[in-house]
N, C-alpha and C. Protein backbone atom coordinates (compact mmCIF):
# COMPACT_ATOMS: atom_id res chain seq x y z
N MET A 1 1.99 16.49 -10.58
CA MET A 1 1.19 15.61 -10.27
C MET A 1 1.65 15.06 -9.00
N ALA A 2 0.59 14.76 -7.64
CA ALA A 2 1.15 14.31 -6.77
C ALA A 2 0.89 12.71 -6.41
N ALA A 3 1.69 12.44 -5.94
CA ALA A 3 1.66 10.86 -5.12
C ALA A 3 0.17 10.08 -5.61
N LYS A 4 -0.36 9.39 -5.43
CA LYS A 4 -2.05 9.13 -5.11
C LYS A 4 -1.87 6.99 -4.91
N PHE A 5 -2.60 7.15 -4.42
CA PHE A 5 -3.33 5.66 -3.99
C PHE A 5 -4.26 5.09 -5.13
N GLU A 6 -4.42 4.53 -5.90
CA GLU A 6 -5.44 4.06 -6.52
C GLU A 6 -5.63 2.53 -6.19
N MET A 7 -7.50 2.35 -6.28
CA MET A 7 -7.74 1.23 -5.83
C MET A 7 -7.98 0.48 -7.64
N TYR A 8 -8.57 -0.71 -7.22
CA TYR A 8 -8.91 -1.62 -7.95
C TYR A 8 -9.28 -2.98 -7.66
N LYS A 9 -10.02 -3.58 -8.85
CA LYS A 9 -10.48 -5.08 -8.13
C LYS A 9 -9.31 -6.34 -8.97
N ASP A 10 -8.88 -6.94 -8.62
CA ASP A 10 -8.02 -8.41 -9.06
C ASP A 10 -8.94 -9.18 -9.96
N LYS A 11 -7.92 -10.38 -10.32
CA LYS A 11 -8.29 -11.17 -11.17
C LYS A 11 -9.33 -12.36 -10.36
N SER A 12 -9.80 -12.21 -8.98
CA SER A 12 -9.67 -12.84 -7.75
C SER A 12 -11.33 -12.13 -7.89
N ASP A 13 -11.29 -10.58 -7.95
CA ASP A 13 -12.94 -9.74 -7.95
C ASP A 13 -12.25 -9.39 -6.47
N LYS A 14 -11.12 -9.37 -6.11
CA LYS A 14 -10.82 -8.33 -4.41
C LYS A 14 -10.53 -7.47 -4.84
N TYR A 15 -10.60 -6.69 -3.80
CA TYR A 15 -10.22 -4.84 -3.73
C TYR A 15 -9.00 -4.82 -3.25
N ARG A 16 -8.18 -4.38 -4.11
CA ARG A 16 -6.46 -3.85 -3.68
C ARG A 16 -5.73 -2.27 -3.62
N PHE A 17 -5.00 -1.98 -3.31
CA PHE A 17 -4.36 -0.59 -3.60
C PHE A 17 -3.16 -0.66 -4.01
N ARG A 18 -2.62 0.75 -4.97
CA ARG A 18 -1.42 0.14 -5.12
C ARG A 18 -0.97 2.11 -4.72
N LEU A 19 0.17 2.22 -4.65
CA LEU A 19 0.51 3.64 -3.89
C LEU A 19 1.99 4.44 -5.66
N LYS A 20 1.37 4.81 -6.05
CA LYS A 20 1.92 5.71 -6.91
C LYS A 20 2.92 7.13 -6.54
N ALA A 21 4.12 7.04 -6.99
CA ALA A 21 4.73 8.69 -7.02
C ALA A 21 4.32 9.19 -7.81
N THR A 22 4.77 10.33 -7.54
CA THR A 22 4.55 11.43 -8.64
C THR A 22 5.43 11.15 -9.63
N ASN A 23 6.36 10.40 -10.15
CA ASN A 23 6.40 10.14 -11.37
C ASN A 23 5.80 9.00 -12.03
N GLY A 24 4.78 8.40 -11.52
CA GLY A 24 3.97 7.21 -11.99
C GLY A 24 4.40 6.11 -12.03
N GLU A 25 5.72 5.12 -10.45
CA GLU A 25 5.99 4.38 -10.82
C GLU A 25 4.69 3.54 -9.26
N ILE A 26 4.84 2.73 -8.92
CA ILE A 26 4.49 1.87 -8.60
C ILE A 26 5.19 2.06 -6.96
N ILE A 27 5.02 2.06 -6.09
CA ILE A 27 6.09 2.15 -4.62
C ILE A 27 5.36 1.36 -3.56
N ALA A 28 3.81 0.92 -3.15
CA ALA A 28 3.60 -0.25 -2.24
C ALA A 28 2.61 -0.63 -3.27
N VAL A 29 2.23 -1.45 -2.54
CA VAL A 29 0.37 -2.39 -3.03
C VAL A 29 0.43 -3.07 -1.29
N GLY A 30 -0.78 -3.27 -1.97
CA GLY A 30 -1.58 -3.35 -0.05
C GLY A 30 -2.52 -5.16 -0.81
N GLU A 31 -2.56 -5.77 -0.14
CA GLU A 31 -2.81 -6.89 0.12
C GLU A 31 -4.78 -7.29 -0.19
N ALA A 32 -5.16 -8.55 -0.99
CA ALA A 32 -6.11 -8.38 -1.51
C ALA A 32 -7.75 -8.24 -0.10
N TYR A 33 -8.60 -6.99 -0.29
CA TYR A 33 -9.62 -7.03 0.60
C TYR A 33 -11.24 -7.54 -0.12
N GLU A 34 -11.48 -7.83 0.66
CA GLU A 34 -13.40 -8.53 0.55
C GLU A 34 -14.04 -7.13 -0.14
N SER A 35 -14.19 -6.29 0.77
CA SER A 35 -15.13 -4.80 0.08
C SER A 35 -13.73 -3.47 -0.15
N GLU A 36 -14.82 -2.41 -0.54
CA GLU A 36 -14.36 -1.48 -0.63
C GLU A 36 -14.12 -0.75 -0.03
N THR A 37 -14.67 -0.68 0.83
CA THR A 37 -14.29 0.02 2.84
C THR A 37 -13.04 -0.35 3.34
N ALA A 38 -13.11 -2.12 3.49
CA ALA A 38 -11.79 -2.40 3.42
C ALA A 38 -10.45 -2.38 3.28
N CYS A 39 -10.73 -1.76 2.26
CA CYS A 39 -9.48 -1.85 1.09
C CYS A 39 -9.32 0.11 1.30
N LYS A 40 -10.46 0.73 1.25
CA LYS A 40 -9.89 2.36 1.95
C LYS A 40 -9.43 2.61 3.12
N ASN A 41 -10.03 1.61 4.05
CA ASN A 41 -9.03 1.28 5.62
C ASN A 41 -7.87 1.12 5.34
N GLY A 42 -7.76 -0.12 5.07
CA GLY A 42 -5.78 -0.36 4.04
C GLY A 42 -5.52 0.81 3.96
N ILE A 43 -5.87 1.30 3.31
CA ILE A 43 -5.54 3.36 2.77
C ILE A 43 -4.91 3.95 4.03
N GLU A 44 -6.07 4.51 4.94
CA GLU A 44 -5.55 4.98 5.88
C GLU A 44 -5.01 4.37 6.31
N SER A 45 -5.15 3.19 7.22
CA SER A 45 -4.05 2.83 7.67
C SER A 45 -1.98 3.16 7.33
N VAL A 46 -2.16 2.86 6.17
CA VAL A 46 -0.76 3.48 5.93
C VAL A 46 -0.65 4.90 5.84
N LYS A 47 -1.57 5.54 5.33
CA LYS A 47 -1.16 6.62 5.45
C LYS A 47 -1.07 7.33 7.12
N LYS A 48 -1.57 6.80 8.03
CA LYS A 48 -1.37 7.27 9.09
C LYS A 48 0.00 6.45 10.06
N ASN A 49 -0.08 5.40 9.59
CA ASN A 49 1.36 5.17 10.51
C ASN A 49 2.49 4.96 9.63
N ALA A 50 2.23 5.08 8.25
CA ALA A 50 3.55 5.07 7.54
C ALA A 50 4.76 5.90 8.12
N PRO A 51 4.19 7.68 8.27
CA PRO A 51 5.27 8.49 8.89
C PRO A 51 5.81 8.38 10.17
N ALA A 52 5.40 7.16 10.88
CA ALA A 52 6.08 7.30 11.81
C ALA A 52 7.01 5.78 11.97
N ALA A 53 6.69 5.23 10.87
CA ALA A 53 6.93 4.03 10.87
C ALA A 53 8.64 3.67 10.56
N GLU A 54 9.45 2.59 11.53
CA GLU A 54 10.59 2.17 12.02
C GLU A 54 11.34 1.47 10.37
N ILE A 55 12.53 1.73 9.87
CA ILE A 55 12.44 1.04 8.96
C ILE A 55 13.97 0.00 9.46
N VAL A 56 13.26 -1.07 8.63
CA VAL A 56 13.89 -2.79 9.87
C VAL A 56 14.50 -3.45 9.12
N ASN A 57 15.90 -3.72 8.49
CA ASN A 57 16.85 -3.81 8.22
C ASN A 57 16.46 -5.73 8.17
N GLN A 58 16.05 -6.63 7.39
CA GLN A 58 15.99 -7.97 7.38
C GLN A 58 17.01 -8.73 6.69
N THR A 59 17.98 -7.79 5.76
CA THR A 59 18.46 -8.31 4.86
C THR A 59 20.02 -8.31 5.23
N ALA A 60 20.28 -7.99 7.03
CA ALA A 60 21.42 -7.86 7.22
C ALA A 60 21.96 -9.52 8.06
N ALA A 61 23.32 -9.11 7.91
CA ALA A 61 23.99 -11.06 7.84
C ALA A 61 23.53 -10.73 9.34
N ARG A 62 23.25 -12.19 9.85
CA ARG A 62 22.61 -12.36 11.00
C ARG A 62 24.49 -13.04 12.07
N VAL A 63 24.35 -12.69 13.18
CA VAL A 63 25.80 -13.34 13.41
C VAL A 63 25.25 -14.07 14.76
């Protein structure tokens, strides 16, 4: 099974998505969107931007 994006409606009737790994574990979640189209656009944005995303460690101690 390949990784997949799942779209759903939350308790507030907003559209959301989650990204599930091949083992079924949720590895990312999206914000609340007012429309299905906006949610799909959010998914496309993640697909486009994630491959080149920089890792920024914000847990490191500040000096």
